[in-house]
Amino acid sequence: MQKMCEWCKKKYQAPPSRKRRACSRGHAFLLLAVDNFWSRVTKSRGCWSWRGAKSWGYGRIGFGKAHRFSWELHFGPIPKGLFVLHKCDNRQCTNPRHLFLGTQADNLRDMALKGRSASGERNARAKLTDRTVKLVRQARAKGETLAAIGSRFGVSATTVLRAVRRECWR
């Protein structure tokens, strides 16, 4: 059966099964995805809230994250190796004016600047506390060895050295 693609207006042969509803370029699927996207977005002056499914706080659309789909819808494909980041720090936001492209390093830097990284005591793997780091630094200032300090606090000499040098626990 011949059908016409709603997107490119070209005729295509519709297969007997209903699994594929698109021309050879996949345009019908794109139209369905765009309709699906807009049916789940609430626009406002600021953030455009996602009302659909969520995963880890990010809006989910059938094949990916809603903010990434919004970027591609408004600006085109995302270059390989880049991430779509939020200026507004709202994971549910799909407003293209609130999005920007960046590398993984940009993403981590942005997270740290916004205070969302788990550093110090907030890090689940931290073995020292703010209080014990002060004690470690005081002990080292008095001339105690790194190994002795590490043994007392249950950490390695390297961890003690990094805390003393402020490479961690700044």
N, C-alpha and C. Protein backbone atom coordinates (compact mmCIF):
# COMPACT_ATOMS: atom_id res chain seq x y z
N MET A 1 0.84 -1.17 0.00
CA MET A 1 0.00 0.00 0.00
C MET A 1 0.90 1.25 0.00
N GLN A 2 0.61 2.19 -0.90
CA GLN A 2 1.38 3.43 -1.01
C GLN A 2 0.88 4.44 0.02
N LYS A 3 1.81 5.08 0.72
CA LYS A 3 1.47 6.15 1.66
C LYS A 3 2.37 7.33 1.39
N MET A 4 1.98 8.49 1.92
CA MET A 4 2.81 9.67 1.75
C MET A 4 3.36 10.10 3.11
N CYS A 5 4.64 10.36 3.13
CA CYS A 5 5.30 10.82 4.36
C CYS A 5 4.80 12.23 4.68
N GLU A 6 4.38 12.43 5.92
CA GLU A 6 3.88 13.74 6.34
C GLU A 6 5.00 14.78 6.40
N TRP A 7 6.24 14.32 6.53
CA TRP A 7 7.36 15.23 6.70
C TRP A 7 7.94 15.68 5.36
N CYS A 8 8.32 14.72 4.51
CA CYS A 8 8.99 15.08 3.25
C CYS A 8 8.06 15.00 2.04
N LYS A 9 6.82 14.56 2.25
CA LYS A 9 5.79 14.47 1.21
C LYS A 9 6.16 13.51 0.08
N LYS A 10 7.02 12.53 0.37
CA LYS A 10 7.37 11.53 -0.63
C LYS A 10 6.56 10.27 -0.37
N LYS A 11 6.21 9.58 -1.47
CA LYS A 11 5.46 8.33 -1.33
C LYS A 11 6.41 7.22 -0.93
N TYR A 12 5.87 6.28 -0.13
CA TYR A 12 6.64 5.11 0.25
C TYR A 12 5.71 3.92 0.34
N GLN A 13 6.30 2.74 0.25
CA GLN A 13 5.53 1.52 0.32
C GLN A 13 5.37 1.13 1.78
N ALA A 14 4.15 1.12 2.27
CA ALA A 14 3.89 0.75 3.67
C ALA A 14 3.97 -0.77 3.78
N PRO A 15 4.74 -1.28 4.73
CA PRO A 15 4.83 -2.74 4.91
C PRO A 15 3.53 -3.29 5.48
N PRO A 16 3.29 -4.58 5.30
CA PRO A 16 2.05 -5.17 5.81
C PRO A 16 1.93 -5.07 7.33
N SER A 17 3.05 -5.21 8.03
CA SER A 17 2.96 -5.09 9.49
C SER A 17 2.96 -3.61 9.85
N ARG A 18 2.46 -3.28 11.04
CA ARG A 18 2.38 -1.89 11.46
C ARG A 18 3.60 -1.46 12.27
N LYS A 19 4.63 -2.29 12.30
CA LYS A 19 5.81 -1.96 13.10
C LYS A 19 6.53 -0.74 12.58
N ARG A 20 6.58 -0.59 11.26
CA ARG A 20 7.28 0.55 10.68
C ARG A 20 6.28 1.46 10.02
N ARG A 21 6.16 2.69 10.54
CA ARG A 21 5.21 3.64 9.99
C ARG A 21 5.95 4.86 9.48
N ALA A 22 6.91 4.66 8.59
CA ALA A 22 7.71 5.79 8.14
C ALA A 22 8.22 5.57 6.73
N CYS A 23 8.62 6.65 6.10
CA CYS A 23 9.28 6.54 4.81
C CYS A 23 10.69 6.02 5.06
N SER A 24 11.48 5.88 4.02
CA SER A 24 12.83 5.31 4.16
C SER A 24 13.72 6.18 5.04
N ARG A 25 13.38 7.42 5.22
CA ARG A 25 14.18 8.32 6.06
C ARG A 25 13.72 8.33 7.52
N GLY A 26 12.65 7.62 7.85
CA GLY A 26 12.18 7.55 9.22
C GLY A 26 11.40 8.77 9.68
N HIS A 27 10.89 9.57 8.77
CA HIS A 27 10.25 10.83 9.14
C HIS A 27 8.97 10.68 9.95
N ALA A 28 8.17 9.68 9.66
CA ALA A 28 6.91 9.53 10.42
C ALA A 28 7.21 9.29 11.89
N PHE A 29 8.25 8.52 12.17
CA PHE A 29 8.65 8.30 13.56
C PHE A 29 9.04 9.62 14.21
N LEU A 30 9.76 10.46 13.47
CA LEU A 30 10.17 11.75 14.00
C LEU A 30 8.96 12.61 14.34
N LEU A 31 7.95 12.61 13.49
CA LEU A 31 6.75 13.39 13.76
C LEU A 31 6.05 12.90 15.02
N LEU A 32 5.97 11.57 15.18
CA LEU A 32 5.34 11.01 16.37
C LEU A 32 6.13 11.39 17.62
N ALA A 33 7.45 11.38 17.53
CA ALA A 33 8.29 11.74 18.67
C ALA A 33 8.12 13.21 19.04
N VAL A 34 8.02 14.08 18.04
CA VAL A 34 7.84 15.51 18.30
C VAL A 34 6.49 15.75 18.98
N ASP A 35 5.45 15.11 18.48
CA ASP A 35 4.12 15.23 19.11
C ASP A 35 4.17 14.71 20.55
N ASN A 36 4.82 13.58 20.74
CA ASN A 36 4.98 12.98 22.06
C ASN A 36 5.72 13.94 23.00
N PHE A 37 6.77 14.57 22.49
CA PHE A 37 7.55 15.53 23.28
C PHE A 37 6.68 16.70 23.74
N TRP A 38 6.03 17.36 22.81
CA TRP A 38 5.25 18.56 23.15
C TRP A 38 4.06 18.25 24.05
N SER A 39 3.53 17.04 23.97
CA SER A 39 2.40 16.70 24.83
C SER A 39 2.82 16.56 26.30
N ARG A 40 4.12 16.49 26.56
CA ARG A 40 4.62 16.31 27.93
C ARG A 40 5.39 17.51 28.47
N VAL A 41 5.39 18.62 27.74
CA VAL A 41 6.12 19.83 28.16
C VAL A 41 5.13 20.91 28.58
N THR A 42 5.40 21.51 29.73
CA THR A 42 4.62 22.67 30.18
C THR A 42 5.53 23.88 30.06
N LYS A 43 5.17 24.77 29.13
CA LYS A 43 5.99 25.97 28.91
C LYS A 43 5.64 27.05 29.93
N SER A 44 6.66 27.82 30.32
CA SER A 44 6.46 28.99 31.16
C SER A 44 7.53 30.01 30.75
N ARG A 45 7.57 31.13 31.44
CA ARG A 45 8.59 32.14 31.13
C ARG A 45 10.00 31.64 31.40
N GLY A 46 10.12 30.79 32.41
CA GLY A 46 11.43 30.26 32.78
C GLY A 46 11.62 28.86 32.22
N CYS A 47 11.71 27.91 33.11
CA CYS A 47 11.92 26.52 32.72
C CYS A 47 10.67 25.94 32.07
N TRP A 48 10.89 25.05 31.10
CA TRP A 48 9.81 24.29 30.50
C TRP A 48 9.83 22.94 31.20
N SER A 49 8.85 22.70 32.04
CA SER A 49 8.83 21.49 32.87
C SER A 49 8.41 20.26 32.09
N TRP A 50 9.09 19.17 32.36
CA TRP A 50 8.76 17.88 31.76
C TRP A 50 7.76 17.17 32.65
N ARG A 51 6.60 16.77 32.08
CA ARG A 51 5.54 16.10 32.84
C ARG A 51 5.51 14.60 32.61
N GLY A 52 6.39 14.10 31.78
CA GLY A 52 6.39 12.67 31.46
C GLY A 52 7.25 11.87 32.42
N ALA A 53 7.65 10.71 31.98
CA ALA A 53 8.47 9.81 32.79
C ALA A 53 9.81 10.45 33.11
N LYS A 54 10.38 10.04 34.25
CA LYS A 54 11.67 10.58 34.67
C LYS A 54 12.59 9.46 35.11
N SER A 55 13.88 9.70 34.96
CA SER A 55 14.89 8.77 35.42
C SER A 55 16.02 9.60 36.02
N TRP A 56 16.31 9.37 37.31
CA TRP A 56 17.32 10.15 38.04
C TRP A 56 16.99 11.65 37.99
N GLY A 57 15.71 11.99 37.88
CA GLY A 57 15.29 13.38 37.86
C GLY A 57 15.24 13.99 36.47
N TYR A 58 15.82 13.33 35.48
CA TYR A 58 15.81 13.84 34.11
C TYR A 58 14.57 13.33 33.39
N GLY A 59 13.98 14.19 32.55
CA GLY A 59 12.85 13.78 31.76
C GLY A 59 13.26 12.69 30.78
N ARG A 60 12.41 11.68 30.64
CA ARG A 60 12.69 10.56 29.73
C ARG A 60 11.69 10.58 28.59
N ILE A 61 12.19 10.43 27.40
CA ILE A 61 11.35 10.25 26.24
C ILE A 61 11.81 8.94 25.61
N GLY A 62 10.90 8.19 25.02
CA GLY A 62 11.14 6.82 24.58
C GLY A 62 12.57 6.37 24.36
N PHE A 63 13.39 7.16 23.72
CA PHE A 63 14.71 6.70 23.32
C PHE A 63 15.85 7.50 23.95
N GLY A 64 15.55 8.32 24.94
CA GLY A 64 16.62 9.11 25.55
C GLY A 64 16.09 10.13 26.54
N LYS A 65 16.92 11.14 26.78
CA LYS A 65 16.57 12.18 27.74
C LYS A 65 15.86 13.33 27.02
N ALA A 66 14.85 13.87 27.70
CA ALA A 66 13.99 14.90 27.09
C ALA A 66 14.78 16.17 26.77
N HIS A 67 15.73 16.57 27.64
CA HIS A 67 16.46 17.80 27.35
C HIS A 67 17.38 17.62 26.14
N ARG A 68 17.90 16.43 25.91
CA ARG A 68 18.71 16.17 24.72
C ARG A 68 17.84 16.22 23.46
N PHE A 69 16.62 15.66 23.56
CA PHE A 69 15.71 15.71 22.42
C PHE A 69 15.34 17.16 22.11
N SER A 70 15.11 17.96 23.15
CA SER A 70 14.78 19.37 22.96
C SER A 70 15.92 20.09 22.23
N TRP A 71 17.15 19.80 22.63
CA TRP A 71 18.30 20.43 21.97
C TRP A 71 18.31 20.09 20.48
N GLU A 72 18.14 18.81 20.18
CA GLU A 72 18.18 18.38 18.78
C GLU A 72 17.00 18.94 17.98
N LEU A 73 15.87 19.04 18.63
CA LEU A 73 14.68 19.59 17.97
C LEU A 73 14.89 21.06 17.59
N HIS A 74 15.55 21.81 18.47
CA HIS A 74 15.72 23.25 18.23
C HIS A 74 17.02 23.62 17.52
N PHE A 75 18.09 22.85 17.73
CA PHE A 75 19.40 23.25 17.20
C PHE A 75 20.05 22.23 16.29
N GLY A 76 19.52 21.02 16.22
CA GLY A 76 20.12 20.00 15.37
C GLY A 76 20.90 18.97 16.19
N PRO A 77 21.60 18.08 15.49
CA PRO A 77 22.29 16.98 16.16
C PRO A 77 23.34 17.45 17.17
N ILE A 78 23.52 16.63 18.19
CA ILE A 78 24.54 16.89 19.21
C ILE A 78 25.83 16.27 18.72
N PRO A 79 26.91 17.06 18.60
CA PRO A 79 28.18 16.49 18.15
C PRO A 79 28.65 15.38 19.07
N LYS A 80 29.29 14.39 18.47
CA LYS A 80 29.77 13.23 19.22
C LYS A 80 30.72 13.68 20.33
N GLY A 81 30.53 13.11 21.52
CA GLY A 81 31.40 13.41 22.65
C GLY A 81 30.95 14.59 23.49
N LEU A 82 29.88 15.29 23.08
CA LEU A 82 29.41 16.43 23.86
C LEU A 82 28.15 16.06 24.63
N PHE A 83 27.93 16.79 25.70
CA PHE A 83 26.78 16.60 26.58
C PHE A 83 25.89 17.83 26.47
N VAL A 84 24.61 17.69 26.79
CA VAL A 84 23.70 18.82 26.88
C VAL A 84 23.55 19.14 28.36
N LEU A 85 24.01 20.33 28.76
CA LEU A 85 24.01 20.74 30.16
C LEU A 85 22.94 21.78 30.42
N HIS A 86 22.54 21.92 31.68
CA HIS A 86 21.51 22.87 32.08
C HIS A 86 22.14 24.10 32.74
N LYS A 87 21.82 25.29 32.22
CA LYS A 87 22.23 26.54 32.90
C LYS A 87 21.43 26.72 34.18
N CYS A 88 20.17 26.29 34.14
CA CYS A 88 19.23 26.52 35.24
C CYS A 88 19.37 25.47 36.35
N ASP A 89 20.13 24.43 36.13
CA ASP A 89 20.35 23.38 37.12
C ASP A 89 19.06 22.65 37.49
N ASN A 90 18.11 22.62 36.55
CA ASN A 90 16.83 21.93 36.75
C ASN A 90 16.79 20.76 35.77
N ARG A 91 16.92 19.54 36.27
CA ARG A 91 17.00 18.36 35.42
C ARG A 91 15.77 18.14 34.56
N GLN A 92 14.62 18.67 34.98
CA GLN A 92 13.38 18.47 34.23
C GLN A 92 13.16 19.53 33.16
N CYS A 93 14.03 20.54 33.10
CA CYS A 93 13.86 21.65 32.16
C CYS A 93 14.20 21.22 30.74
N THR A 94 13.33 21.60 29.78
CA THR A 94 13.57 21.32 28.37
C THR A 94 13.64 22.60 27.54
N ASN A 95 13.70 23.75 28.21
CA ASN A 95 13.78 25.04 27.51
C ASN A 95 15.14 25.14 26.82
N PRO A 96 15.17 25.25 25.49
CA PRO A 96 16.45 25.28 24.78
C PRO A 96 17.33 26.47 25.19
N ARG A 97 16.72 27.56 25.68
CA ARG A 97 17.52 28.72 26.12
C ARG A 97 18.25 28.42 27.43
N HIS A 98 17.86 27.38 28.11
CA HIS A 98 18.50 27.00 29.37
C HIS A 98 19.54 25.89 29.19
N LEU A 99 19.76 25.48 27.95
CA LEU A 99 20.66 24.37 27.67
C LEU A 99 21.91 24.85 26.95
N PHE A 100 23.02 24.14 27.15
CA PHE A 100 24.25 24.43 26.41
C PHE A 100 25.05 23.14 26.25
N LEU A 101 25.92 23.13 25.25
CA LEU A 101 26.74 21.95 24.99
C LEU A 101 28.05 22.06 25.75
N GLY A 102 28.57 20.93 26.18
CA GLY A 102 29.86 20.91 26.86
C GLY A 102 30.43 19.50 26.92
N THR A 103 31.69 19.42 27.28
CA THR A 103 32.37 18.14 27.43
C THR A 103 32.07 17.56 28.81
N GLN A 104 32.57 16.36 29.07
CA GLN A 104 32.42 15.77 30.39
C GLN A 104 33.13 16.63 31.43
N ALA A 105 34.29 17.18 31.07
CA ALA A 105 35.02 18.06 31.99
C ALA A 105 34.19 19.31 32.31
N ASP A 106 33.52 19.88 31.30
CA ASP A 106 32.64 21.03 31.53
C ASP A 106 31.50 20.66 32.46
N ASN A 107 30.96 19.46 32.28
CA ASN A 107 29.85 18.99 33.11
C ASN A 107 30.29 18.85 34.57
N LEU A 108 31.46 18.27 34.79
CA LEU A 108 31.97 18.11 36.16
C LEU A 108 32.30 19.46 36.79
N ARG A 109 32.88 20.37 36.00
CA ARG A 109 33.20 21.71 36.51
C ARG A 109 31.93 22.46 36.89
N ASP A 110 30.92 22.37 36.03
CA ASP A 110 29.63 23.03 36.28
C ASP A 110 28.99 22.46 37.55
N MET A 111 29.06 21.15 37.72
CA MET A 111 28.51 20.50 38.90
C MET A 111 29.20 21.00 40.17
N ALA A 112 30.52 21.09 40.12
CA ALA A 112 31.28 21.54 41.29
C ALA A 112 30.97 23.01 41.60
N LEU A 113 30.90 23.86 40.57
CA LEU A 113 30.62 25.28 40.78
C LEU A 113 29.24 25.51 41.39
N LYS A 114 28.30 24.64 41.06
CA LYS A 114 26.94 24.76 41.58
C LYS A 114 26.75 24.02 42.90
N GLY A 115 27.84 23.46 43.42
CA GLY A 115 27.78 22.81 44.73
C GLY A 115 27.05 21.48 44.75
N ARG A 116 27.03 20.78 43.61
CA ARG A 116 26.33 19.50 43.56
C ARG A 116 27.27 18.31 43.66
N SER A 117 28.57 18.54 43.71
CA SER A 117 29.49 17.41 43.80
C SER A 117 29.63 16.98 45.25
N ALA A 118 29.81 15.72 45.44
CA ALA A 118 29.93 15.16 46.79
C ALA A 118 31.38 15.24 47.22
N SER A 119 31.76 16.35 47.80
CA SER A 119 33.13 16.51 48.25
C SER A 119 33.16 16.54 49.77
N GLY A 120 34.35 16.28 50.32
CA GLY A 120 34.50 16.29 51.77
C GLY A 120 33.65 15.22 52.42
N GLU A 121 33.03 15.54 53.51
CA GLU A 121 32.21 14.58 54.26
C GLU A 121 31.00 14.09 53.47
N ARG A 122 30.55 14.87 52.50
CA ARG A 122 29.38 14.47 51.71
C ARG A 122 29.69 13.31 50.76
N ASN A 123 30.97 13.07 50.49
CA ASN A 123 31.35 11.95 49.64
C ASN A 123 31.16 10.65 50.41
N ALA A 124 30.40 9.74 49.86
CA ALA A 124 30.08 8.49 50.55
C ALA A 124 31.31 7.64 50.83
N ARG A 125 32.38 7.84 50.08
CA ARG A 125 33.59 7.04 50.29
C ARG A 125 34.63 7.74 51.16
N ALA A 126 34.31 8.90 51.68
CA ALA A 126 35.27 9.64 52.51
C ALA A 126 35.56 8.88 53.80
N LYS A 127 36.84 8.81 54.15
CA LYS A 127 37.24 8.12 55.38
C LYS A 127 37.57 9.10 56.50
N LEU A 128 37.70 10.36 56.14
CA LEU A 128 38.00 11.40 57.12
C LEU A 128 36.84 12.38 57.20
N THR A 129 36.79 13.12 58.28
CA THR A 129 35.80 14.18 58.44
C THR A 129 36.55 15.51 58.47
N ASP A 130 35.82 16.60 58.42
CA ASP A 130 36.47 17.92 58.50
C ASP A 130 37.30 18.02 59.78
N ARG A 131 36.75 17.50 60.86
CA ARG A 131 37.43 17.56 62.16
C ARG A 131 38.72 16.74 62.15
N THR A 132 38.67 15.51 61.63
CA THR A 132 39.87 14.68 61.62
C THR A 132 40.93 15.22 60.67
N VAL A 133 40.53 15.88 59.59
CA VAL A 133 41.51 16.48 58.68
C VAL A 133 42.30 17.57 59.41
N LYS A 134 41.62 18.36 60.23
CA LYS A 134 42.32 19.38 61.02
C LYS A 134 43.33 18.73 61.97
N LEU A 135 42.93 17.62 62.59
CA LEU A 135 43.84 16.90 63.49
C LEU A 135 45.03 16.31 62.74
N VAL A 136 44.77 15.80 61.53
CA VAL A 136 45.84 15.26 60.68
C VAL A 136 46.85 16.36 60.36
N ARG A 137 46.36 17.52 59.97
CA ARG A 137 47.26 18.64 59.62
C ARG A 137 48.05 19.13 60.84
N GLN A 138 47.39 19.15 61.98
CA GLN A 138 48.10 19.56 63.22
C GLN A 138 49.19 18.56 63.57
N ALA A 139 48.89 17.27 63.44
CA ALA A 139 49.88 16.23 63.77
C ALA A 139 51.08 16.32 62.82
N ARG A 140 50.83 16.57 61.55
CA ARG A 140 51.92 16.68 60.58
C ARG A 140 52.75 17.92 60.85
N ALA A 141 52.09 19.01 61.25
CA ALA A 141 52.82 20.25 61.57
C ALA A 141 53.74 20.05 62.77
N LYS A 142 53.36 19.13 63.67
CA LYS A 142 54.20 18.83 64.85
C LYS A 142 55.33 17.86 64.51
N GLY A 143 55.37 17.38 63.25
CA GLY A 143 56.47 16.51 62.83
C GLY A 143 56.17 15.03 62.84
N GLU A 144 54.96 14.66 63.09
CA GLU A 144 54.60 13.24 63.10
C GLU A 144 54.69 12.68 61.68
N THR A 145 55.08 11.42 61.53
CA THR A 145 55.24 10.83 60.19
C THR A 145 53.88 10.57 59.56
N LEU A 146 53.90 10.53 58.22
CA LEU A 146 52.67 10.27 57.47
C LEU A 146 52.11 8.89 57.82
N ALA A 147 52.98 7.90 57.92
CA ALA A 147 52.54 6.53 58.22
C ALA A 147 51.90 6.46 59.60
N ALA A 148 52.49 7.14 60.60
CA ALA A 148 51.94 7.11 61.96
C ALA A 148 50.56 7.78 62.00
N ILE A 149 50.44 8.89 61.31
CA ILE A 149 49.15 9.61 61.27
C ILE A 149 48.11 8.74 60.57
N GLY A 150 48.50 8.16 59.43
CA GLY A 150 47.59 7.30 58.68
C GLY A 150 47.12 6.12 59.50
N SER A 151 48.04 5.53 60.24
CA SER A 151 47.71 4.38 61.08
C SER A 151 46.70 4.79 62.16
N ARG A 152 46.90 5.96 62.75
CA ARG A 152 46.01 6.44 63.81
C ARG A 152 44.59 6.68 63.30
N PHE A 153 44.47 7.19 62.06
CA PHE A 153 43.15 7.54 61.53
C PHE A 153 42.59 6.50 60.54
N GLY A 154 43.31 5.41 60.33
CA GLY A 154 42.81 4.33 59.48
C GLY A 154 42.83 4.64 58.00
N VAL A 155 43.81 5.44 57.56
CA VAL A 155 43.95 5.76 56.15
C VAL A 155 45.41 5.56 55.74
N SER A 156 45.67 5.64 54.45
CA SER A 156 47.04 5.45 53.97
C SER A 156 47.86 6.73 54.17
N ALA A 157 49.17 6.56 54.09
CA ALA A 157 50.08 7.71 54.18
C ALA A 157 49.83 8.66 53.01
N THR A 158 49.45 8.12 51.86
CA THR A 158 49.14 8.96 50.69
C THR A 158 47.93 9.83 50.95
N THR A 159 46.92 9.29 51.57
CA THR A 159 45.72 10.07 51.91
C THR A 159 46.08 11.19 52.87
N VAL A 160 46.92 10.89 53.84
CA VAL A 160 47.38 11.92 54.79
C VAL A 160 48.14 13.01 54.05
N LEU A 161 49.06 12.61 53.16
CA LEU A 161 49.85 13.58 52.40
C LEU A 161 48.95 14.48 51.56
N ARG A 162 47.97 13.88 50.90
CA ARG A 162 47.06 14.67 50.05
C ARG A 162 46.22 15.64 50.89
N ALA A 163 45.83 15.22 52.09
CA ALA A 163 45.07 16.12 52.98
C ALA A 163 45.94 17.26 53.47
N VAL A 164 47.20 16.94 53.81
CA VAL A 164 48.13 17.97 54.30
C VAL A 164 48.45 18.97 53.20
N ARG A 165 48.64 18.49 51.98
CA ARG A 165 48.95 19.37 50.84
C ARG A 165 47.72 20.08 50.29
N ARG A 166 46.56 19.76 50.83
CA ARG A 166 45.28 20.33 50.40
C ARG A 166 44.91 19.96 48.97
N GLU A 167 45.39 18.82 48.56
CA GLU A 167 45.01 18.28 47.24
C GLU A 167 43.59 17.72 47.32
N CYS A 168 43.22 17.31 48.50
CA CYS A 168 41.85 16.94 48.82
C CYS A 168 41.57 17.60 50.17
N TRP A 169 40.36 17.77 50.53
CA TRP A 169 39.99 18.44 51.78
C TRP A 169 40.57 19.85 51.84
N ARG A 170 40.25 20.65 50.86
CA ARG A 170 40.79 22.00 50.80
C ARG A 170 40.22 22.86 51.91
